[in-house]
Amino acid sequence: MTARSCTLTIAAAAVALALTSCTPAEISTTPATSTVATVVAVAVVDGDTIDVQTSTGEERVRLIGIDTPEISRDGGADDCYAQEARTYLDQLVYGHDVELVSDPTQADTDRYGRLLRHVLIDGQSAAQLAIEAGAGTEYTYDTPYDRRSDHLAAQDRAQDASAGLWSVCP
């Protein structure tokens, strides 16, 4: 017996049940359109992860489209430019209202249970701003995401300018 994929948009899920042999439990859904929520950034964990206060409590959010150097969690050495990347994001979003925008090309959460979202501050992508400042690199996990070309262009500009980590990290 071969495995089959039953990943569909929510709008197509009901039709799929009628047209395929997939059971409701086999169908994983992704939003057909983006959702937007305005929240307050209450903590910056590292250069690509924040905590936000929602109407239902605190949520951890992984910014889509950026990867930043890792801060050591076990007492070891941080990666080159990890603290600077965290500081950049902290100064950008901490204590501010931000918009969380889901991306229909990505899962709702990652394997650690963090929400996967584009984070906008004053209408601008926090990930793109951080990439352009040299605080991180463009990151595509599995499937290309909305805004990816903007992030790649920001990375090119940061590299050309030897900004941030591009100037100090081997």
N, C-alpha and C. Protein backbone atom coordinates (compact mmCIF):
# COMPACT_ATOMS: atom_id res chain seq x y z
N MET A 1 0.84 -1.18 0.00
CA MET A 1 0.00 0.00 0.00
C MET A 1 0.89 1.24 0.00
N THR A 2 0.59 2.21 -0.83
CA THR A 2 1.39 3.42 -0.91
C THR A 2 0.77 4.51 -0.06
N ALA A 3 1.66 5.36 0.48
CA ALA A 3 1.19 6.50 1.26
C ALA A 3 0.65 7.55 0.30
N ARG A 4 -0.33 8.29 0.75
CA ARG A 4 -0.86 9.36 -0.07
C ARG A 4 -0.88 10.65 0.73
N SER A 5 -0.75 11.73 0.05
CA SER A 5 -0.77 13.03 0.70
C SER A 5 -2.17 13.60 0.64
N CYS A 6 -2.63 14.08 1.78
CA CYS A 6 -3.97 14.66 1.85
C CYS A 6 -3.93 16.06 2.44
N THR A 7 -2.88 16.81 2.14
CA THR A 7 -2.77 18.18 2.61
C THR A 7 -3.51 19.09 1.65
N LEU A 8 -4.45 19.86 2.19
CA LEU A 8 -5.31 20.70 1.37
C LEU A 8 -5.55 22.03 2.06
N THR A 9 -6.01 22.99 1.31
CA THR A 9 -6.47 24.21 1.95
C THR A 9 -7.80 23.92 2.62
N ILE A 10 -8.15 24.73 3.60
CA ILE A 10 -9.41 24.52 4.31
C ILE A 10 -10.58 24.54 3.35
N ALA A 11 -10.56 25.46 2.39
CA ALA A 11 -11.67 25.57 1.44
C ALA A 11 -11.82 24.29 0.62
N ALA A 12 -10.72 23.60 0.35
CA ALA A 12 -10.78 22.40 -0.48
C ALA A 12 -11.02 21.14 0.32
N ALA A 13 -10.91 21.19 1.64
CA ALA A 13 -10.99 19.98 2.46
C ALA A 13 -12.35 19.29 2.34
N ALA A 14 -13.43 20.03 2.39
CA ALA A 14 -14.75 19.41 2.31
C ALA A 14 -14.97 18.74 0.96
N VAL A 15 -14.53 19.38 -0.10
CA VAL A 15 -14.64 18.80 -1.44
C VAL A 15 -13.80 17.54 -1.54
N ALA A 16 -12.64 17.55 -0.94
CA ALA A 16 -11.74 16.39 -1.01
C ALA A 16 -12.36 15.17 -0.37
N LEU A 17 -13.09 15.35 0.72
CA LEU A 17 -13.73 14.21 1.36
C LEU A 17 -14.71 13.52 0.42
N ALA A 18 -15.37 14.30 -0.37
CA ALA A 18 -16.34 13.74 -1.30
C ALA A 18 -15.66 13.10 -2.52
N LEU A 19 -14.48 13.58 -2.89
CA LEU A 19 -13.82 13.14 -4.11
C LEU A 19 -12.70 12.13 -3.91
N THR A 20 -12.22 11.96 -2.68
CA THR A 20 -11.10 11.05 -2.44
C THR A 20 -11.45 10.05 -1.36
N SER A 21 -10.52 9.16 -1.13
CA SER A 21 -10.72 8.18 -0.07
C SER A 21 -10.07 8.64 1.23
N CYS A 22 -9.67 9.91 1.32
CA CYS A 22 -9.06 10.43 2.54
C CYS A 22 -10.13 10.56 3.62
N THR A 23 -9.77 10.18 4.83
CA THR A 23 -10.68 10.37 5.96
C THR A 23 -10.39 11.73 6.56
N PRO A 24 -11.30 12.27 7.35
CA PRO A 24 -11.04 13.57 7.97
C PRO A 24 -9.74 13.59 8.77
N ALA A 25 -9.39 12.50 9.45
CA ALA A 25 -8.17 12.45 10.24
C ALA A 25 -6.92 12.51 9.38
N GLU A 26 -7.00 12.11 8.12
CA GLU A 26 -5.84 12.11 7.24
C GLU A 26 -5.59 13.46 6.57
N ILE A 27 -6.58 14.32 6.60
CA ILE A 27 -6.46 15.60 5.91
C ILE A 27 -5.89 16.64 6.87
N SER A 28 -4.73 17.19 6.52
CA SER A 28 -4.21 18.32 7.28
C SER A 28 -4.51 19.57 6.47
N THR A 29 -4.94 20.59 7.15
CA THR A 29 -5.36 21.79 6.44
C THR A 29 -4.41 22.94 6.70
N THR A 30 -4.28 23.80 5.73
CA THR A 30 -3.57 25.06 5.87
C THR A 30 -4.52 26.15 5.46
N PRO A 31 -4.40 27.33 6.07
CA PRO A 31 -5.32 28.40 5.70
C PRO A 31 -5.16 28.78 4.23
N ALA A 32 -6.28 29.05 3.57
CA ALA A 32 -6.24 29.46 2.17
C ALA A 32 -5.80 30.92 2.05
N THR A 33 -6.01 31.67 3.11
CA THR A 33 -5.61 33.07 3.11
C THR A 33 -4.90 33.37 4.43
N SER A 34 -4.22 34.49 4.47
CA SER A 34 -3.50 34.90 5.67
C SER A 34 -4.46 35.43 6.72
N THR A 35 -4.09 35.25 7.97
CA THR A 35 -4.79 35.89 9.07
C THR A 35 -3.86 36.91 9.68
N VAL A 36 -4.43 37.97 10.24
CA VAL A 36 -3.63 39.03 10.83
C VAL A 36 -4.14 39.29 12.24
N ALA A 37 -3.21 39.41 13.19
CA ALA A 37 -3.57 39.76 14.56
C ALA A 37 -2.59 40.81 15.06
N THR A 38 -3.11 41.82 15.74
CA THR A 38 -2.25 42.82 16.35
C THR A 38 -2.07 42.46 17.81
N VAL A 39 -0.80 42.35 18.24
CA VAL A 39 -0.44 41.92 19.59
C VAL A 39 0.70 42.80 20.09
N VAL A 40 1.10 42.61 21.34
CA VAL A 40 2.23 43.33 21.91
C VAL A 40 3.39 42.35 22.08
N ALA A 41 4.58 42.77 21.62
CA ALA A 41 5.78 41.96 21.82
C ALA A 41 6.24 42.16 23.26
N VAL A 42 6.21 41.09 24.07
CA VAL A 42 6.53 41.21 25.49
C VAL A 42 7.91 40.66 25.85
N ALA A 43 8.55 39.95 24.92
CA ALA A 43 9.90 39.45 25.16
C ALA A 43 10.54 39.10 23.82
N VAL A 44 11.86 39.20 23.79
CA VAL A 44 12.62 38.77 22.62
C VAL A 44 13.54 37.66 23.11
N VAL A 45 13.31 36.46 22.60
CA VAL A 45 14.04 35.27 23.03
C VAL A 45 15.42 35.23 22.39
N ASP A 46 15.44 35.46 21.09
CA ASP A 46 16.68 35.54 20.32
C ASP A 46 16.38 36.31 19.04
N GLY A 47 17.26 36.27 18.07
CA GLY A 47 17.10 37.09 16.89
C GLY A 47 15.96 36.72 15.96
N ASP A 48 15.37 35.54 16.16
CA ASP A 48 14.26 35.13 15.28
C ASP A 48 13.05 34.60 16.05
N THR A 49 12.99 34.82 17.34
CA THR A 49 11.88 34.32 18.16
C THR A 49 11.48 35.37 19.19
N ILE A 50 10.17 35.62 19.28
CA ILE A 50 9.65 36.57 20.25
C ILE A 50 8.49 35.95 21.01
N ASP A 51 8.16 36.55 22.13
CA ASP A 51 6.94 36.22 22.86
C ASP A 51 6.00 37.40 22.72
N VAL A 52 4.72 37.10 22.52
CA VAL A 52 3.71 38.14 22.36
C VAL A 52 2.56 37.89 23.32
N GLN A 53 1.88 38.98 23.69
CA GLN A 53 0.70 38.88 24.54
C GLN A 53 -0.52 38.96 23.64
N THR A 54 -1.33 37.91 23.67
CA THR A 54 -2.58 37.88 22.90
C THR A 54 -3.75 38.00 23.86
N SER A 55 -4.93 38.03 23.35
CA SER A 55 -6.12 38.10 24.20
C SER A 55 -6.30 36.82 25.02
N THR A 56 -5.66 35.74 24.60
CA THR A 56 -5.80 34.47 25.32
C THR A 56 -4.56 34.10 26.13
N GLY A 57 -3.54 34.94 26.12
CA GLY A 57 -2.33 34.65 26.88
C GLY A 57 -1.08 34.90 26.06
N GLU A 58 0.04 34.41 26.58
CA GLU A 58 1.32 34.61 25.92
C GLU A 58 1.57 33.50 24.90
N GLU A 59 2.13 33.87 23.76
CA GLU A 59 2.48 32.92 22.71
C GLU A 59 3.91 33.16 22.27
N ARG A 60 4.60 32.08 21.93
CA ARG A 60 5.95 32.19 21.36
C ARG A 60 5.81 32.16 19.83
N VAL A 61 6.54 33.06 19.16
CA VAL A 61 6.42 33.22 17.71
C VAL A 61 7.80 33.10 17.07
N ARG A 62 7.90 32.26 16.07
CA ARG A 62 9.12 32.12 15.26
C ARG A 62 8.89 32.92 13.99
N LEU A 63 9.75 33.92 13.72
CA LEU A 63 9.61 34.74 12.53
C LEU A 63 9.90 33.90 11.29
N ILE A 64 9.03 33.99 10.31
CA ILE A 64 9.21 33.29 9.05
C ILE A 64 10.26 34.00 8.22
N GLY A 65 11.14 33.22 7.59
CA GLY A 65 12.04 33.76 6.58
C GLY A 65 13.38 34.26 7.06
N ILE A 66 13.71 34.05 8.32
CA ILE A 66 15.01 34.50 8.85
C ILE A 66 15.58 33.43 9.77
N ASP A 67 16.89 33.33 9.74
CA ASP A 67 17.61 32.51 10.70
C ASP A 67 18.71 33.38 11.26
N THR A 68 18.87 33.35 12.58
CA THR A 68 19.90 34.14 13.22
C THR A 68 20.83 33.22 13.99
N PRO A 69 22.03 33.70 14.29
CA PRO A 69 22.96 32.88 15.06
C PRO A 69 22.34 32.46 16.40
N GLU A 70 22.71 31.28 16.85
CA GLU A 70 22.12 30.70 18.05
C GLU A 70 22.76 31.23 19.33
N ILE A 71 21.92 31.52 20.31
CA ILE A 71 22.36 31.85 21.66
C ILE A 71 22.46 30.52 22.41
N SER A 72 23.57 30.29 23.06
CA SER A 72 23.76 29.02 23.77
C SER A 72 22.75 28.88 24.90
N ARG A 73 22.15 27.75 25.01
CA ARG A 73 21.19 27.46 26.08
C ARG A 73 21.80 26.55 27.14
N ASP A 74 23.02 26.07 26.90
CA ASP A 74 23.63 25.11 27.82
C ASP A 74 24.91 25.61 28.46
N GLY A 75 25.12 26.90 28.46
CA GLY A 75 26.31 27.47 29.07
C GLY A 75 27.51 27.54 28.15
N GLY A 76 27.37 27.04 26.92
CA GLY A 76 28.47 27.11 25.96
C GLY A 76 28.55 28.48 25.33
N ALA A 77 29.40 28.58 24.34
CA ALA A 77 29.58 29.85 23.65
C ALA A 77 28.44 30.10 22.67
N ASP A 78 28.01 31.36 22.60
CA ASP A 78 27.03 31.77 21.60
C ASP A 78 27.68 31.72 20.22
N ASP A 79 26.85 31.56 19.18
CA ASP A 79 27.35 31.70 17.81
C ASP A 79 27.75 33.16 17.59
N CYS A 80 28.63 33.36 16.63
CA CYS A 80 29.06 34.71 16.26
C CYS A 80 27.83 35.56 15.91
N TYR A 81 27.70 36.70 16.54
CA TYR A 81 26.68 37.73 16.29
C TYR A 81 25.30 37.38 16.89
N ALA A 82 25.23 36.35 17.74
CA ALA A 82 23.94 35.96 18.33
C ALA A 82 23.35 37.04 19.23
N GLN A 83 24.16 37.59 20.11
CA GLN A 83 23.65 38.62 21.03
C GLN A 83 23.28 39.89 20.29
N GLU A 84 24.06 40.25 19.27
CA GLU A 84 23.75 41.44 18.49
C GLU A 84 22.43 41.27 17.72
N ALA A 85 22.19 40.06 17.22
CA ALA A 85 20.93 39.80 16.50
C ALA A 85 19.75 39.91 17.45
N ARG A 86 19.91 39.38 18.67
CA ARG A 86 18.84 39.48 19.67
C ARG A 86 18.60 40.94 20.04
N THR A 87 19.67 41.68 20.26
CA THR A 87 19.55 43.09 20.61
C THR A 87 18.86 43.89 19.50
N TYR A 88 19.20 43.60 18.25
CA TYR A 88 18.57 44.30 17.14
C TYR A 88 17.05 44.09 17.17
N LEU A 89 16.62 42.82 17.28
CA LEU A 89 15.19 42.53 17.29
C LEU A 89 14.52 43.12 18.53
N ASP A 90 15.21 43.08 19.66
CA ASP A 90 14.68 43.64 20.90
C ASP A 90 14.39 45.13 20.73
N GLN A 91 15.35 45.86 20.18
CA GLN A 91 15.16 47.31 19.97
C GLN A 91 14.07 47.59 18.94
N LEU A 92 13.89 46.68 18.03
CA LEU A 92 12.90 46.87 16.97
C LEU A 92 11.46 46.64 17.45
N VAL A 93 11.23 45.57 18.24
CA VAL A 93 9.85 45.18 18.53
C VAL A 93 9.44 45.18 19.99
N TYR A 94 10.37 45.06 20.93
CA TYR A 94 9.99 44.89 22.34
C TYR A 94 9.11 46.05 22.83
N GLY A 95 7.98 45.68 23.42
CA GLY A 95 7.06 46.66 23.97
C GLY A 95 6.16 47.34 22.96
N HIS A 96 6.31 46.99 21.71
CA HIS A 96 5.52 47.61 20.64
C HIS A 96 4.39 46.70 20.17
N ASP A 97 3.36 47.33 19.61
CA ASP A 97 2.35 46.56 18.89
C ASP A 97 2.97 46.04 17.61
N VAL A 98 2.75 44.78 17.33
CA VAL A 98 3.20 44.17 16.08
C VAL A 98 2.03 43.42 15.48
N GLU A 99 2.09 43.27 14.18
CA GLU A 99 1.09 42.46 13.49
C GLU A 99 1.69 41.09 13.21
N LEU A 100 0.94 40.05 13.55
CA LEU A 100 1.32 38.69 13.22
C LEU A 100 0.51 38.28 12.00
N VAL A 101 1.19 37.92 10.93
CA VAL A 101 0.53 37.55 9.69
C VAL A 101 0.86 36.10 9.37
N SER A 102 -0.16 35.26 9.31
CA SER A 102 0.07 33.87 8.94
C SER A 102 0.43 33.81 7.46
N ASP A 103 1.01 32.71 7.07
CA ASP A 103 1.43 32.52 5.68
C ASP A 103 0.83 31.22 5.19
N PRO A 104 -0.07 31.28 4.20
CA PRO A 104 -0.74 30.05 3.75
C PRO A 104 0.21 29.02 3.16
N THR A 105 1.45 29.38 2.89
CA THR A 105 2.42 28.42 2.36
C THR A 105 3.15 27.66 3.47
N GLN A 106 2.95 28.09 4.72
CA GLN A 106 3.68 27.51 5.84
C GLN A 106 2.73 26.87 6.85
N ALA A 107 3.27 26.00 7.67
CA ALA A 107 2.49 25.40 8.76
C ALA A 107 2.13 26.49 9.77
N ASP A 108 1.15 26.22 10.61
CA ASP A 108 0.74 27.17 11.63
C ASP A 108 1.76 27.25 12.76
N THR A 109 2.35 26.10 13.11
CA THR A 109 3.36 26.03 14.16
C THR A 109 4.54 25.19 13.70
N ASP A 110 5.67 25.36 14.38
CA ASP A 110 6.83 24.52 14.07
C ASP A 110 6.88 23.33 15.03
N ARG A 111 7.92 22.54 14.94
CA ARG A 111 8.02 21.32 15.75
C ARG A 111 8.18 21.62 17.24
N TYR A 112 8.49 22.86 17.59
CA TYR A 112 8.61 23.26 18.99
C TYR A 112 7.34 23.91 19.52
N GLY A 113 6.30 23.97 18.70
CA GLY A 113 5.03 24.55 19.12
C GLY A 113 4.96 26.06 18.99
N ARG A 114 5.98 26.67 18.39
CA ARG A 114 5.95 28.13 18.19
C ARG A 114 5.08 28.46 16.99
N LEU A 115 4.32 29.56 17.10
CA LEU A 115 3.57 30.04 15.95
C LEU A 115 4.56 30.47 14.88
N LEU A 116 4.30 30.17 13.64
CA LEU A 116 5.11 30.63 12.52
C LEU A 116 4.38 31.80 11.89
N ARG A 117 4.98 32.98 11.95
CA ARG A 117 4.31 34.18 11.46
C ARG A 117 5.31 35.17 10.86
N HIS A 118 4.80 35.97 9.92
CA HIS A 118 5.50 37.18 9.52
C HIS A 118 5.17 38.18 10.62
N VAL A 119 6.16 38.88 11.10
CA VAL A 119 5.96 39.88 12.15
C VAL A 119 6.21 41.24 11.54
N LEU A 120 5.18 42.09 11.58
CA LEU A 120 5.27 43.42 10.99
C LEU A 120 5.29 44.46 12.10
N ILE A 121 6.20 45.43 11.97
CA ILE A 121 6.26 46.56 12.87
C ILE A 121 6.08 47.81 12.01
N ASP A 122 5.05 48.55 12.28
CA ASP A 122 4.72 49.73 11.47
C ASP A 122 4.62 49.35 9.99
N GLY A 123 4.05 48.20 9.71
CA GLY A 123 3.83 47.75 8.33
C GLY A 123 5.04 47.16 7.65
N GLN A 124 6.18 47.10 8.33
CA GLN A 124 7.39 46.56 7.72
C GLN A 124 7.73 45.21 8.35
N SER A 125 8.26 44.31 7.54
CA SER A 125 8.66 43.00 8.01
C SER A 125 9.87 43.10 8.94
N ALA A 126 9.70 42.64 10.19
CA ALA A 126 10.82 42.64 11.14
C ALA A 126 11.94 41.74 10.64
N ALA A 127 11.59 40.62 10.03
CA ALA A 127 12.61 39.70 9.50
C ALA A 127 13.41 40.37 8.39
N GLN A 128 12.74 41.03 7.48
CA GLN A 128 13.43 41.70 6.38
C GLN A 128 14.34 42.81 6.90
N LEU A 129 13.86 43.59 7.86
CA LEU A 129 14.68 44.66 8.43
C LEU A 129 15.92 44.08 9.11
N ALA A 130 15.75 42.99 9.84
CA ALA A 130 16.88 42.36 10.53
C ALA A 130 17.88 41.77 9.53
N ILE A 131 17.38 41.16 8.48
CA ILE A 131 18.27 40.61 7.45
C ILE A 131 19.07 41.72 6.81
N GLU A 132 18.41 42.81 6.48
CA GLU A 132 19.10 43.93 5.83
C GLU A 132 20.13 44.58 6.75
N ALA A 133 19.90 44.52 8.05
CA ALA A 133 20.85 45.07 9.02
C ALA A 133 22.01 44.10 9.27
N GLY A 134 21.93 42.91 8.70
CA GLY A 134 22.98 41.92 8.90
C GLY A 134 22.83 41.14 10.20
N ALA A 135 21.64 41.13 10.78
CA ALA A 135 21.40 40.41 12.02
C ALA A 135 21.03 38.94 11.79
N GLY A 136 20.81 38.56 10.55
CA GLY A 136 20.46 37.18 10.24
C GLY A 136 20.50 36.96 8.74
N THR A 137 20.16 35.74 8.36
CA THR A 137 20.17 35.37 6.95
C THR A 137 18.78 34.91 6.54
N GLU A 138 18.51 35.00 5.25
CA GLU A 138 17.24 34.49 4.71
C GLU A 138 17.20 32.99 4.99
N TYR A 139 16.01 32.50 5.36
CA TYR A 139 15.87 31.10 5.71
C TYR A 139 14.56 30.56 5.16
N THR A 140 14.67 29.55 4.32
CA THR A 140 13.50 28.84 3.81
C THR A 140 13.52 27.45 4.43
N TYR A 141 12.53 27.13 5.24
CA TYR A 141 12.51 25.85 5.93
C TYR A 141 12.25 24.70 4.97
N ASP A 142 11.11 24.71 4.33
CA ASP A 142 10.72 23.59 3.49
C ASP A 142 10.13 24.09 2.17
N THR A 143 9.20 24.99 2.29
CA THR A 143 8.48 25.52 1.14
C THR A 143 8.72 27.02 1.06
N PRO A 144 9.01 27.55 -0.13
CA PRO A 144 9.16 29.00 -0.24
C PRO A 144 7.93 29.72 0.32
N TYR A 145 8.16 30.81 0.99
CA TYR A 145 7.13 31.55 1.71
C TYR A 145 6.85 32.88 1.00
N ASP A 146 5.72 33.48 1.36
CA ASP A 146 5.41 34.82 0.86
C ASP A 146 6.52 35.76 1.32
N ARG A 147 6.89 36.72 0.51
CA ARG A 147 7.91 37.74 0.81
C ARG A 147 9.35 37.22 0.67
N ARG A 148 9.55 36.00 0.24
CA ARG A 148 10.90 35.43 0.16
C ARG A 148 11.82 36.26 -0.74
N SER A 149 11.32 36.72 -1.87
CA SER A 149 12.18 37.50 -2.77
C SER A 149 12.64 38.80 -2.10
N ASP A 150 11.79 39.41 -1.27
CA ASP A 150 12.19 40.62 -0.53
C ASP A 150 13.30 40.30 0.46
N HIS A 151 13.20 39.16 1.12
CA HIS A 151 14.23 38.76 2.10
C HIS A 151 15.55 38.45 1.41
N LEU A 152 15.49 37.79 0.26
CA LEU A 152 16.71 37.49 -0.49
C LEU A 152 17.39 38.77 -0.96
N ALA A 153 16.60 39.73 -1.42
CA ALA A 153 17.16 41.02 -1.86
C ALA A 153 17.78 41.76 -0.67
N ALA A 154 17.14 41.70 0.50
CA ALA A 154 17.68 42.33 1.70
C ALA A 154 19.01 41.69 2.08
N GLN A 155 19.10 40.37 1.95
CA GLN A 155 20.35 39.69 2.26
C GLN A 155 21.46 40.10 1.30
N ASP A 156 21.13 40.22 0.03
CA ASP A 156 22.12 40.68 -0.96
C ASP A 156 22.65 42.06 -0.60
N ARG A 157 21.74 42.96 -0.18
CA ARG A 157 22.16 44.31 0.20
C ARG A 157 23.06 44.27 1.43
N ALA A 158 22.71 43.43 2.41
CA ALA A 158 23.52 43.32 3.63
C ALA A 158 24.90 42.77 3.31
N GLN A 159 24.96 41.75 2.47
CA GLN A 159 26.26 41.19 2.09
C GLN A 159 27.10 42.23 1.35
N ASP A 160 26.49 42.91 0.39
CA ASP A 160 27.21 43.92 -0.39
C ASP A 160 27.76 45.04 0.51
N ALA A 161 27.03 45.37 1.56
CA ALA A 161 27.44 46.44 2.47
C ALA A 161 28.30 45.92 3.63
N SER A 162 28.54 44.61 3.67
CA SER A 162 29.24 43.98 4.80
C SER A 162 28.61 44.41 6.13
N ALA A 163 27.28 44.38 6.17
CA ALA A 163 26.54 44.79 7.36
C ALA A 163 26.51 43.67 8.39
N GLY A 164 26.54 44.05 9.65
CA GLY A 164 26.35 43.12 10.76
C GLY A 164 27.24 41.90 10.70
N LEU A 165 26.62 40.74 10.76
CA LEU A 165 27.38 39.49 10.81
C LEU A 165 28.25 39.29 9.58
N TRP A 166 27.90 39.91 8.47
CA TRP A 166 28.70 39.77 7.24
C TRP A 166 30.06 40.43 7.39
N SER A 167 30.22 41.30 8.39
CA SER A 167 31.50 41.98 8.58
C SER A 167 32.38 41.33 9.63
N VAL A 168 31.79 40.54 10.53
CA VAL A 168 32.57 40.03 11.66
C VAL A 168 32.61 38.51 11.80
N CYS A 169 31.71 37.80 11.17
CA CYS A 169 31.65 36.35 11.35
C CYS A 169 32.32 35.62 10.18
N PRO A 170 33.10 34.61 10.53
CA PRO A 170 33.79 33.87 9.44
C PRO A 170 32.82 33.09 8.58
